Amino acid sequence: MNDATGLPLPASGVLTSDSSGTERAFETDTGGRFAFDRLPFGVYRLVVHAPGFSSRTEIVDVRSALPREVRVSLALASITATVDVTEQPMLVDAHRVGVSYDVAARQR
């Protein structure tokens, strides 16, 4: 697992296959790596999560007992915010005008 800049990213996720009924959860090491042994041949769905990043789903087709490397890059998660606007009376009366003077002691 890497972030968008290519740096290793600790992450977690799950590998599932509907056809074989396989489901394996995992956590990567600090280098963003993990390995599965003895997977039945077939098509798997790999879902990866990391705090602060968008989840990513990849389809992995396992057709050999030889090791296979799958690189996954996660993008930063989008930030959402909600602003509630309510009607409040104005603090300043826009229809009232006036002049104010400040009187202070004479400066020497």
PDB file of N, CA and C in Angstrom:
ATOM      1  N   MET A   1       0.832  -1.160   0.000  1.00  0.00           N
ATOM      2  CA  MET A   1       0.000   0.000   0.000  1.00  0.00           C
ATOM      3  C   MET A   1       0.888   1.237   0.000  1.00  0.00           C
ATOM      4  N   ASN A   2       0.506   2.195  -0.808  1.00  0.00           N
ATOM      5  CA  ASN A   2       1.208   3.470  -0.878  1.00  0.00           C
ATOM      6  C   ASN A   2       0.184   4.596  -0.884  1.00  0.00           C
ATOM      7  N   ASP A   3       0.651   5.786  -0.501  1.00  0.00           N
ATOM      8  CA  ASP A   3      -0.198   6.958  -0.686  1.00  0.00           C
ATOM      9  C   ASP A   3       0.020   7.455  -2.117  1.00  0.00           C
ATOM     10  N   ALA A   4      -0.637   8.550  -2.486  1.00  0.00           N
ATOM     11  CA  ALA A   4      -0.570   9.049  -3.863  1.00  0.00           C
ATOM     12  C   ALA A   4       0.842   9.477  -4.269  1.00  0.00           C
ATOM     13  N   THR A   5       1.705   9.772  -3.282  1.00  0.00           N
ATOM     14  CA  THR A   5       3.074  10.183  -3.601  1.00  0.00           C
ATOM     15  C   THR A   5       4.028   8.999  -3.683  1.00  0.00           C
ATOM     16  N   GLY A   6       3.539   7.790  -3.369  1.00  0.00           N
ATOM     17  CA  GLY A   6       4.375   6.599  -3.444  1.00  0.00           C
ATOM     18  C   GLY A   6       4.981   6.170  -2.120  1.00  0.00           C
ATOM     19  N   LEU A   7       4.704   6.916  -1.048  1.00  0.00           N
ATOM     20  CA  LEU A   7       5.232   6.547   0.268  1.00  0.00           C
ATOM     21  C   LEU A   7       4.460   5.363   0.845  1.00  0.00           C
ATOM     22  N   PRO A   8       5.144   4.453   1.562  1.00  0.00           N
ATOM     23  CA  PRO A   8       4.465   3.305   2.174  1.00  0.00           C
ATOM     24  C   PRO A   8       3.389   3.771   3.149  1.00  0.00           C
ATOM     25  N   LEU A   9       2.316   2.996   3.217  1.00  0.00           N
ATOM     26  CA  LEU A   9       1.165   3.384   4.033  1.00  0.00           C
ATOM     27  C   LEU A   9       0.655   2.177   4.811  1.00  0.00           C
ATOM     28  N   PRO A  10       0.701   2.229   6.136  1.00  0.00           N
ATOM     29  CA  PRO A  10       0.071   1.160   6.917  1.00  0.00           C
ATOM     30  C   PRO A  10      -1.440   1.189   6.677  1.00  0.00           C
ATOM     31  N   ALA A  11      -2.019   0.054   6.394  1.00  0.00           N
ATOM     32  CA  ALA A  11      -3.447  -0.018   6.077  1.00  0.00           C
ATOM     33  C   ALA A  11      -4.000  -1.362   6.536  1.00  0.00           C
ATOM     34  N   SER A  12      -5.300  -1.505   6.402  1.00  0.00           N
ATOM     35  CA  SER A  12      -5.958  -2.771   6.703  1.00  0.00           C
ATOM     36  C   SER A  12      -7.015  -3.009   5.642  1.00  0.00           C
ATOM     37  N   GLY A  13      -7.561  -4.217   5.638  1.00  0.00           N
ATOM     38  CA  GLY A  13      -8.593  -4.501   4.658  1.00  0.00           C
ATOM     39  C   GLY A  13      -9.031  -5.934   4.697  1.00  0.00           C
ATOM     40  N   VAL A  14      -9.686  -6.331   3.619  1.00  0.00           N
ATOM     41  CA  VAL A  14     -10.212  -7.683   3.530  1.00  0.00           C
ATOM     42  C   VAL A  14     -10.120  -8.161   2.070  1.00  0.00           C
ATOM     43  N   LEU A  15      -9.847  -9.447   1.914  1.00  0.00           N
ATOM     44  CA  LEU A  15      -9.807 -10.098   0.611  1.00  0.00           C
ATOM     45  C   LEU A  15     -10.922 -11.131   0.602  1.00  0.00           C
ATOM     46  N   THR A  16     -11.841 -11.038  -0.354  1.00  0.00           N
ATOM     47  CA  THR A  16     -12.981 -11.957  -0.382  1.00  0.00           C
ATOM     48  C   THR A  16     -13.157 -12.556  -1.773  1.00  0.00           C
ATOM     49  N   SER A  17     -13.724 -13.759  -1.789  1.00  0.00           N
ATOM     50  CA  SER A  17     -14.095 -14.430  -3.037  1.00  0.00           C
ATOM     51  C   SER A  17     -15.449 -15.096  -2.824  1.00  0.00           C
ATOM     52  N   ASP A  18     -16.421 -14.696  -3.622  1.00  0.00           N
ATOM     53  CA  ASP A  18     -17.750 -15.303  -3.515  1.00  0.00           C
ATOM     54  C   ASP A  18     -17.737 -16.756  -3.976  1.00  0.00           C
ATOM     55  N   SER A  19     -16.949 -17.059  -5.013  1.00  0.00           N
ATOM     56  CA  SER A  19     -16.966 -18.415  -5.572  1.00  0.00           C
ATOM     57  C   SER A  19     -16.380 -19.449  -4.611  1.00  0.00           C
ATOM     58  N   SER A  20     -15.309 -19.093  -3.892  1.00  0.00           N
ATOM     59  CA  SER A  20     -14.700 -20.067  -2.979  1.00  0.00           C
ATOM     60  C   SER A  20     -15.137 -19.853  -1.529  1.00  0.00           C
ATOM     61  N   GLY A  21     -15.833 -18.771  -1.268  1.00  0.00           N
ATOM     62  CA  GLY A  21     -16.262 -18.470   0.105  1.00  0.00           C
ATOM     63  C   GLY A  21     -15.125 -18.002   0.994  1.00  0.00           C
ATOM     64  N   THR A  22     -14.034 -17.577   0.378  1.00  0.00           N
ATOM     65  CA  THR A  22     -12.857 -17.130   1.129  1.00  0.00           C
ATOM     66  C   THR A  22     -13.043 -15.697   1.598  1.00  0.00           C
ATOM     67  N   GLU A  23     -12.669 -15.458   2.843  1.00  0.00           N
ATOM     68  CA  GLU A  23     -12.644 -14.091   3.386  1.00  0.00           C
ATOM     69  C   GLU A  23     -11.480 -14.008   4.360  1.00  0.00           C
ATOM     70  N   ARG A  24     -10.521 -13.137   4.051  1.00  0.00           N
ATOM     71  CA  ARG A  24      -9.345 -12.977   4.913  1.00  0.00           C
ATOM     72  C   ARG A  24      -9.101 -11.508   5.180  1.00  0.00           C
ATOM     73  N   ALA A  25      -9.075 -11.166   6.455  1.00  0.00           N
ATOM     74  CA  ALA A  25      -8.749  -9.802   6.865  1.00  0.00           C
ATOM     75  C   ALA A  25      -7.233  -9.678   6.986  1.00  0.00           C
ATOM     76  N   PHE A  26      -6.722  -8.458   6.853  1.00  0.00           N
ATOM     77  CA  PHE A  26      -5.276  -8.268   6.944  1.00  0.00           C
ATOM     78  C   PHE A  26      -4.955  -6.860   7.445  1.00  0.00           C
ATOM     79  N   GLU A  27      -3.745  -6.714   7.925  1.00  0.00           N
ATOM     80  CA  GLU A  27      -3.147  -5.419   8.250  1.00  0.00           C
ATOM     81  C   GLU A  27      -1.755  -5.419   7.650  1.00  0.00           C
ATOM     82  N   THR A  28      -1.381  -4.306   7.035  1.00  0.00           N
ATOM     83  CA  THR A  28      -0.050  -4.235   6.433  1.00  0.00           C
ATOM     84  C   THR A  28       0.982  -3.919   7.508  1.00  0.00           C
ATOM     85  N   ASP A  29       2.247  -4.156   7.159  1.00  0.00           N
ATOM     86  CA  ASP A  29       3.321  -3.733   8.051  1.00  0.00           C
ATOM     87  C   ASP A  29       3.596  -2.248   7.806  1.00  0.00           C
ATOM     88  N   THR A  30       4.589  -1.683   8.485  1.00  0.00           N
ATOM     89  CA  THR A  30       4.874  -0.246   8.335  1.00  0.00           C
ATOM     90  C   THR A  30       5.344   0.106   6.933  1.00  0.00           C
ATOM     91  N   GLY A  31       5.787  -0.881   6.179  1.00  0.00           N
ATOM     92  CA  GLY A  31       6.192  -0.659   4.791  1.00  0.00           C
ATOM     93  C   GLY A  31       5.039  -0.788   3.810  1.00  0.00           C
ATOM     94  N   GLY A  32       3.818  -1.017   4.338  1.00  0.00           N
ATOM     95  CA  GLY A  32       2.639  -1.135   3.485  1.00  0.00           C
ATOM     96  C   GLY A  32       2.502  -2.486   2.797  1.00  0.00           C
ATOM     97  N   ARG A  33       3.154  -3.529   3.322  1.00  0.00           N
ATOM     98  CA  ARG A  33       3.144  -4.847   2.691  1.00  0.00           C
ATOM     99  C   ARG A  33       2.349  -5.866   3.512  1.00  0.00           C
ATOM    100  N   PHE A  34       1.782  -6.849   2.809  1.00  0.00           N
ATOM    101  CA  PHE A  34       1.160  -8.013   3.438  1.00  0.00           C
ATOM    102  C   PHE A  34       1.183  -9.139   2.414  1.00  0.00           C
ATOM    103  N   ALA A  35       0.981 -10.366   2.869  1.00  0.00           N
ATOM    104  CA  ALA A  35       0.998 -11.518   1.968  1.00  0.00           C
ATOM    105  C   ALA A  35      -0.061 -12.524   2.403  1.00  0.00           C
ATOM    106  N   PHE A  36      -0.658 -13.192   1.424  1.00  0.00           N
ATOM    107  CA  PHE A  36      -1.578 -14.297   1.670  1.00  0.00           C
ATOM    108  C   PHE A  36      -0.954 -15.564   1.132  1.00  0.00           C
ATOM    109  N   ASP A  37      -1.057 -16.667   1.890  1.00  0.00           N
ATOM    110  CA  ASP A  37      -0.562 -17.969   1.457  1.00  0.00           C
ATOM    111  C   ASP A  37      -1.742 -18.885   1.159  1.00  0.00           C
ATOM    112  N   ARG A  38      -1.518 -19.785   0.222  1.00  0.00           N
ATOM    113  CA  ARG A  38      -2.465 -20.872  -0.076  1.00  0.00           C
ATOM    114  C   ARG A  38      -3.870 -20.378  -0.429  1.00  0.00           C
ATOM    115  N   LEU A  39      -3.947 -19.418  -1.318  1.00  0.00           N
ATOM    116  CA  LEU A  39      -5.258 -18.966  -1.785  1.00  0.00           C
ATOM    117  C   LEU A  39      -5.751 -19.892  -2.892  1.00  0.00           C
ATOM    118  N   PRO A  40      -6.997 -20.316  -2.837  1.00  0.00           N
ATOM    119  CA  PRO A  40      -7.552 -21.076  -3.960  1.00  0.00           C
ATOM    120  C   PRO A  40      -7.577 -20.196  -5.216  1.00  0.00           C
ATOM    121  N   PHE A  41      -7.391 -20.801  -6.380  1.00  0.00           N
ATOM    122  CA  PHE A  41      -7.457 -20.030  -7.611  1.00  0.00           C
ATOM    123  C   PHE A  41      -8.843 -19.414  -7.743  1.00  0.00           C
ATOM    124  N   GLY A  42      -8.893 -18.219  -8.312  1.00  0.00           N
ATOM    125  CA  GLY A  42     -10.178 -17.562  -8.516  1.00  0.00           C
ATOM    126  C   GLY A  42     -10.041 -16.051  -8.522  1.00  0.00           C
ATOM    127  N   VAL A  43     -11.192 -15.410  -8.602  1.00  0.00           N
ATOM    128  CA  VAL A  43     -11.266 -13.946  -8.630  1.00  0.00           C
ATOM    129  C   VAL A  43     -11.602 -13.455  -7.219  1.00  0.00           C
ATOM    130  N   TYR A  44     -10.827 -12.480  -6.752  1.00  0.00           N
ATOM    131  CA  TYR A  44     -10.983 -11.934  -5.404  1.00  0.00           C
ATOM    132  C   TYR A  44     -11.240 -10.440  -5.457  1.00  0.00           C
ATOM    133  N   ARG A  45     -11.957  -9.963  -4.465  1.00  0.00           N
ATOM    134  CA  ARG A  45     -12.158  -8.524  -4.278  1.00  0.00           C
ATOM    135  C   ARG A  45     -11.284  -8.108  -3.103  1.00  0.00           C
ATOM    136  N   LEU A  46     -10.374  -7.167  -3.356  1.00  0.00           N
ATOM    137  CA  LEU A  46      -9.475  -6.637  -2.335  1.00  0.00           C
ATOM    138  C   LEU A  46      -9.955  -5.241  -1.961  1.00  0.00           C
ATOM    139  N   VAL A  47     -10.330  -5.054  -0.694  1.00  0.00           N
ATOM    140  CA  VAL A  47     -10.780  -3.747  -0.208  1.00  0.00           C
ATOM    141  C   VAL A  47      -9.780  -3.269   0.835  1.00  0.00           C
ATOM    142  N   VAL A  48      -9.236  -2.070   0.638  1.00  0.00           N
ATOM    143  CA  VAL A  48      -8.185  -1.531   1.495  1.00  0.00           C
ATOM    144  C   VAL A  48      -8.660  -0.236   2.141  1.00  0.00           C
ATOM    145  N   HIS A  49      -8.359  -0.084   3.463  1.00  0.00           N
ATOM    146  CA  HIS A  49      -8.736   1.114   4.221  1.00  0.00           C
ATOM    147  C   HIS A  49      -7.516   1.645   4.965  1.00  0.00           C
ATOM    148  N   ALA A  50      -7.441   2.954   5.108  1.00  0.00           N
ATOM    149  CA  ALA A  50      -6.431   3.591   5.960  1.00  0.00           C
ATOM    150  C   ALA A  50      -7.031   4.894   6.468  1.00  0.00           C
ATOM    151  N   PRO A  51      -6.828   5.219   7.739  1.00  0.00           N
ATOM    152  CA  PRO A  51      -7.389   6.465   8.284  1.00  0.00           C
ATOM    153  C   PRO A  51      -6.903   7.680   7.499  1.00  0.00           C
ATOM    154  N   GLY A  52      -7.850   8.553   7.129  1.00  0.00           N
ATOM    155  CA  GLY A  52      -7.516   9.773   6.401  1.00  0.00           C
ATOM    156  C   GLY A  52      -7.423   9.593   4.902  1.00  0.00           C
ATOM    157  N   PHE A  53      -7.665   8.355   4.416  1.00  0.00           N
ATOM    158  CA  PHE A  53      -7.580   8.068   2.990  1.00  0.00           C
ATOM    159  C   PHE A  53      -8.888   7.446   2.512  1.00  0.00           C
ATOM    160  N   SER A  54      -9.179   7.611   1.222  1.00  0.00           N
ATOM    161  CA  SER A  54     -10.349   6.967   0.631  1.00  0.00           C
ATOM    162  C   SER A  54     -10.097   5.470   0.517  1.00  0.00           C
ATOM    163  N   SER A  55     -11.142   4.689   0.735  1.00  0.00           N
ATOM    164  CA  SER A  55     -11.032   3.232   0.565  1.00  0.00           C
ATOM    165  C   SER A  55     -10.834   2.922  -0.909  1.00  0.00           C
ATOM    166  N   ARG A  56     -10.204   1.789  -1.172  1.00  0.00           N
ATOM    167  CA  ARG A  56      -9.942   1.393  -2.560  1.00  0.00           C
ATOM    168  C   ARG A  56     -10.308  -0.067  -2.717  1.00  0.00           C
ATOM    169  N   THR A  57     -10.956  -0.391  -3.821  1.00  0.00           N
ATOM    170  CA  THR A  57     -11.316  -1.773  -4.141  1.00  0.00           C
ATOM    171  C   THR A  57     -10.623  -2.175  -5.431  1.00  0.00           C
ATOM    172  N   GLU A  58      -9.991  -3.335  -5.415  1.00  0.00           N
ATOM    173  CA  GLU A  58      -9.309  -3.878  -6.591  1.00  0.00           C
ATOM    174  C   GLU A  58      -9.803  -5.303  -6.813  1.00  0.00           C
ATOM    175  N   ILE A  59      -9.872  -5.711  -8.056  1.00  0.00           N
ATOM    176  CA  ILE A  59     -10.179  -7.095  -8.397  1.00  0.00           C
ATOM    177  C   ILE A  59      -8.854  -7.792  -8.700  1.00  0.00           C
ATOM    178  N   VAL A  60      -8.621  -8.936  -8.037  1.00  0.00           N
ATOM    179  CA  VAL A  60      -7.375  -9.689  -8.201  1.00  0.00           C
ATOM    180  C   VAL A  60      -7.732 -11.080  -8.691  1.00  0.00           C
ATOM    181  N   ASP A  61      -7.137 -11.477  -9.814  1.00  0.00           N
ATOM    182  CA  ASP A  61      -7.381 -12.794 -10.400  1.00  0.00           C
ATOM    183  C   ASP A  61      -6.181 -13.695 -10.092  1.00  0.00           C
ATOM    184  N   VAL A  62      -6.386 -14.712  -9.240  1.00  0.00           N
ATOM    185  CA  VAL A  62      -5.316 -15.634  -8.845  1.00  0.00           C
ATOM    186  C   VAL A  62      -5.440 -16.884  -9.711  1.00  0.00           C
ATOM    187  N   ARG A  63      -4.415 -17.117 -10.575  1.00  0.00           N
ATOM    188  CA  ARG A  63      -4.430 -18.265 -11.488  1.00  0.00           C
ATOM    189  C   ARG A  63      -3.161 -19.099 -11.398  1.00  0.00           C
ATOM    190  N   SER A  64      -2.326 -18.802 -10.390  1.00  0.00           N
ATOM    191  CA  SER A  64      -1.060 -19.517 -10.268  1.00  0.00           C
ATOM    192  C   SER A  64      -0.655 -19.572  -8.804  1.00  0.00           C
ATOM    193  N   ALA A  65       0.137 -20.585  -8.463  1.00  0.00           N
ATOM    194  CA  ALA A  65       0.661 -20.679  -7.101  1.00  0.00           C
ATOM    195  C   ALA A  65       1.887 -19.791  -6.909  1.00  0.00           C
ATOM    196  N   LEU A  66       2.389 -19.225  -7.997  1.00  0.00           N
ATOM    197  CA  LEU A  66       3.550 -18.333  -7.899  1.00  0.00           C
ATOM    198  C   LEU A  66       3.147 -17.012  -7.245  1.00  0.00           C
ATOM    199  N   PRO A  67       4.037 -16.427  -6.455  1.00  0.00           N
ATOM    200  CA  PRO A  67       3.718 -15.144  -5.805  1.00  0.00           C
ATOM    201  C   PRO A  67       3.392 -14.064  -6.839  1.00  0.00           C
ATOM    202  N   ARG A  68       2.471 -13.210  -6.490  1.00  0.00           N
ATOM    203  CA  ARG A  68       2.067 -12.108  -7.363  1.00  0.00           C
ATOM    204  C   ARG A  68       2.009 -10.837  -6.544  1.00  0.00           C
ATOM    205  N   GLU A  69       2.560  -9.771  -7.087  1.00  0.00           N
ATOM    206  CA  GLU A  69       2.544  -8.487  -6.384  1.00  0.00           C
ATOM    207  C   GLU A  69       1.425  -7.617  -6.950  1.00  0.00           C
ATOM    208  N   VAL A  70       0.617  -7.070  -6.053  1.00  0.00           N
ATOM    209  CA  VAL A  70      -0.456  -6.148  -6.440  1.00  0.00           C
ATOM    210  C   VAL A  70      -0.185  -4.837  -5.727  1.00  0.00           C
ATOM    211  N   ARG A  71       0.006  -3.784  -6.496  1.00  0.00           N
ATOM    212  CA  ARG A  71       0.263  -2.460  -5.911  1.00  0.00           C
ATOM    213  C   ARG A  71      -1.040  -1.683  -5.831  1.00  0.00           C
ATOM    214  N   VAL A  72      -1.286  -1.120  -4.649  1.00  0.00           N
ATOM    215  CA  VAL A  72      -2.492  -0.322  -4.435  1.00  0.00           C
ATOM    216  C   VAL A  72      -2.069   1.029  -3.888  1.00  0.00           C
ATOM    217  N   SER A  73      -2.594   2.079  -4.486  1.00  0.00           N
ATOM    218  CA  SER A  73      -2.305   3.443  -4.049  1.00  0.00           C
ATOM    219  C   SER A  73      -3.600   4.076  -3.551  1.00  0.00           C
ATOM    220  N   LEU A  74      -3.545   4.663  -2.353  1.00  0.00           N
ATOM    221  CA  LEU A  74      -4.732   5.291  -1.767  1.00  0.00           C
ATOM    222  C   LEU A  74      -4.634   6.813  -1.881  1.00  0.00           C
ATOM    223  N   ALA A  75      -5.749   7.434  -2.214  1.00  0.00           N
ATOM    224  CA  ALA A  75      -5.828   8.893  -2.304  1.00  0.00           C
ATOM    225  C   ALA A  75      -6.342   9.459  -0.985  1.00  0.00           C
ATOM    226  N   LEU A  76      -5.995  10.690  -0.711  1.00  0.00           N
ATOM    227  CA  LEU A  76      -6.498  11.350   0.491  1.00  0.00           C
ATOM    228  C   LEU A  76      -8.019  11.415   0.448  1.00  0.00           C
ATOM    229  N   ALA A  77      -8.639  11.223   1.589  1.00  0.00           N
ATOM    230  CA  ALA A  77     -10.091  11.306   1.674  1.00  0.00           C
ATOM    231  C   ALA A  77     -10.533  12.750   1.535  1.00  0.00           C
ATOM    232  N   SER A  78     -11.689  12.939   0.942  1.00  0.00           N
ATOM    233  CA  SER A  78     -12.218  14.291   0.834  1.00  0.00           C
ATOM    234  C   SER A  78     -12.786  14.716   2.185  1.00  0.00           C
ATOM    235  N   ILE A  79     -12.753  16.000   2.409  1.00  0.00           N
ATOM    236  CA  ILE A  79     -13.262  16.562   3.661  1.00  0.00           C
ATOM    237  C   ILE A  79     -14.627  17.166   3.385  1.00  0.00           C
ATOM    238  N   THR A  80     -15.567  16.815   4.223  1.00  0.00           N
ATOM    239  CA  THR A  80     -16.903  17.391   4.079  1.00  0.00           C
ATOM    240  C   THR A  80     -17.232  18.192   5.324  1.00  0.00           C
ATOM    241  N   ALA A  81     -17.952  19.254   5.112  1.00  0.00           N
ATOM    242  CA  ALA A  81     -18.370  20.105   6.224  1.00  0.00           C
ATOM    243  C   ALA A  81     -19.800  20.566   5.975  1.00  0.00           C
ATOM    244  N   THR A  82     -20.512  20.792   7.045  1.00  0.00           N
ATOM    245  CA  THR A  82     -21.872  21.283   6.960  1.00  0.00           C
ATOM    246  C   THR A  82     -21.956  22.621   7.675  1.00  0.00           C
ATOM    247  N   VAL A  83     -22.572  23.588   7.014  1.00  0.00           N
ATOM    248  CA  VAL A  83     -22.773  24.904   7.616  1.00  0.00           C
ATOM    249  C   VAL A  83     -24.273  25.140   7.695  1.00  0.00           C
ATOM    250  N   ASP A  84     -24.767  25.370   8.897  1.00  0.00           N
ATOM    251  CA  ASP A  84     -26.174  25.674   9.103  1.00  0.00           C
ATOM    252  C   ASP A  84     -26.339  27.177   9.238  1.00  0.00           C
ATOM    253  N   VAL A  85     -27.176  27.760   8.391  1.00  0.00           N
ATOM    254  CA  VAL A  85     -27.431  29.196   8.434  1.00  0.00           C
ATOM    255  C   VAL A  85     -28.838  29.394   8.971  1.00  0.00           C
ATOM    256  N   THR A  86     -28.952  30.192  10.016  1.00  0.00           N
ATOM    257  CA  THR A  86     -30.250  30.498  10.594  1.00  0.00           C
ATOM    258  C   THR A  86     -30.471  31.994  10.584  1.00  0.00           C
ATOM    259  N   GLU A  87     -31.707  32.392  10.525  1.00  0.00           N
ATOM    260  CA  GLU A  87     -32.022  33.822  10.503  1.00  0.00           C
ATOM    261  C   GLU A  87     -31.887  34.376  11.912  1.00  0.00           C
ATOM    262  N   GLN A  88     -31.115  35.438  12.043  1.00  0.00           N
ATOM    263  CA  GLN A  88     -30.889  36.101  13.324  1.00  0.00           C
ATOM    264  C   GLN A  88     -31.079  37.599  13.115  1.00  0.00           C
ATOM    265  N   PRO A  89     -31.515  38.314  14.148  1.00  0.00           N
ATOM    266  CA  PRO A  89     -31.607  39.768  13.985  1.00  0.00           C
ATOM    267  C   PRO A  89     -30.213  40.360  13.772  1.00  0.00           C
ATOM    268  N   MET A  90     -30.144  41.422  12.952  1.00  0.00           N
ATOM    269  CA  MET A  90     -28.853  42.056  12.684  1.00  0.00           C
ATOM    270  C   MET A  90     -28.323  42.729  13.934  1.00  0.00           C
ATOM    271  N   LEU A  91     -27.011  42.731  14.086  1.00  0.00           N
ATOM    272  CA  LEU A  91     -26.375  43.403  15.218  1.00  0.00           C
ATOM    273  C   LEU A  91     -26.235  44.900  14.977  1.00  0.00           C
ATOM    274  N   VAL A  92     -26.269  45.300  13.720  1.00  0.00           N
ATOM    275  CA  VAL A  92     -26.129  46.709  13.362  1.00  0.00           C
ATOM    276  C   VAL A  92     -27.399  47.131  12.648  1.00  0.00           C
ATOM    277  N   ASP A  93     -27.918  48.320  13.021  1.00  0.00           N
ATOM    278  CA  ASP A  93     -29.100  48.851  12.349  1.00  0.00           C
ATOM    279  C   ASP A  93     -28.636  49.592  11.105  1.00  0.00           C
ATOM    280  N   ALA A  94     -28.883  49.007   9.936  1.00  0.00           N
ATOM    281  CA  ALA A  94     -28.413  49.589   8.677  1.00  0.00           C
ATOM    282  C   ALA A  94     -29.175  50.848   8.300  1.00  0.00           C
ATOM    283  N   HIS A  95     -30.315  51.117   8.928  1.00  0.00           N
ATOM    284  CA  HIS A  95     -31.136  52.283   8.584  1.00  0.00           C
ATOM    285  C   HIS A  95     -30.881  53.475   9.509  1.00  0.00           C
ATOM    286  N   ARG A  96     -30.081  53.321  10.496  1.00  0.00           N
ATOM    287  CA  ARG A  96     -29.793  54.401  11.448  1.00  0.00           C
ATOM    288  C   ARG A  96     -28.367  54.894  11.191  1.00  0.00           C
ATOM    289  N   VAL A  97     -28.219  56.160  10.961  1.00  0.00           N
ATOM    290  CA  VAL A  97     -26.900  56.734  10.737  1.00  0.00           C
ATOM    291  C   VAL A  97     -26.605  57.729  11.833  1.00  0.00           C
ATOM    292  N   GLY A  98     -25.369  57.959  12.088  1.00  0.00           N
ATOM    293  CA  GLY A  98     -24.977  58.915  13.116  1.00  0.00           C
ATOM    294  C   GLY A  98     -23.481  59.144  13.064  1.00  0.00           C
ATOM    295  N   VAL A  99     -23.040  60.064  13.858  1.00  0.00           N
ATOM    296  CA  VAL A  99     -21.630  60.405  13.930  1.00  0.00           C
ATOM    297  C   VAL A  99     -21.195  60.238  15.363  1.00  0.00           C
ATOM    298  N   SER A 100     -20.008  59.722  15.559  1.00  0.00           N
ATOM    299  CA  SER A 100     -19.489  59.631  16.912  1.00  0.00           C
ATOM    300  C   SER A 100     -18.109  60.282  16.942  1.00  0.00           C
ATOM    301  N   TYR A 101     -17.818  60.916  18.059  1.00  0.00           N
ATOM    302  CA  TYR A 101     -16.535  61.567  18.262  1.00  0.00           C
ATOM    303  C   TYR A 101     -15.886  60.973  19.482  1.00  0.00           C
ATOM    304  N   ASP A 102     -14.558  60.750  19.376  1.00  0.00           N
ATOM    305  CA  ASP A 102     -13.795  60.290  20.535  1.00  0.00           C
ATOM    306  C   ASP A 102     -13.030  61.482  21.069  1.00  0.00           C
ATOM    307  N   VAL A 103     -13.174  61.772  22.369  1.00  0.00           N
ATOM    308  CA  VAL A 103     -12.435  62.883  22.995  1.00  0.00           C
ATOM    309  C   VAL A 103     -11.415  62.240  23.915  1.00  0.00           C
ATOM    310  N   ALA A 104     -10.178  62.632  23.714  1.00  0.00           N
ATOM    311  CA  ALA A 104      -9.096  62.077  24.506  1.00  0.00           C
ATOM    312  C   ALA A 104      -8.248  63.210  25.073  1.00  0.00           C
ATOM    313  N   ALA A 105      -7.419  62.894  26.010  1.00  0.00           N
ATOM    314  CA  ALA A 105      -6.521  63.900  26.595  1.00  0.00           C
ATOM    315  C   ALA A 105      -5.525  64.358  25.534  1.00  0.00           C
ATOM    316  N   ARG A 106      -5.101  65.622  25.652  1.00  0.00           N
ATOM    317  CA  ARG A 106      -4.161  66.212  24.690  1.00  0.00           C
ATOM    318  C   ARG A 106      -2.818  65.509  24.819  1.00  0.00           C
ATOM    319  N   GLN A 107      -2.233  65.191  23.678  1.00  0.00           N
ATOM    320  CA  GLN A 107      -0.919  64.546  23.622  1.00  0.00           C
ATOM    321  C   GLN A 107       0.179  65.592  23.684  1.00  0.00           C
ATOM    322  N   ARG A 108       1.232  65.439  24.425  1.00  0.00           N
ATOM    323  CA  ARG A 108       2.329  66.402  24.493  1.00  0.00           C
ATOM    324  C   ARG A 108       3.543  65.891  23.855  1.00  0.00           C
TER     325      ARG A 108
END
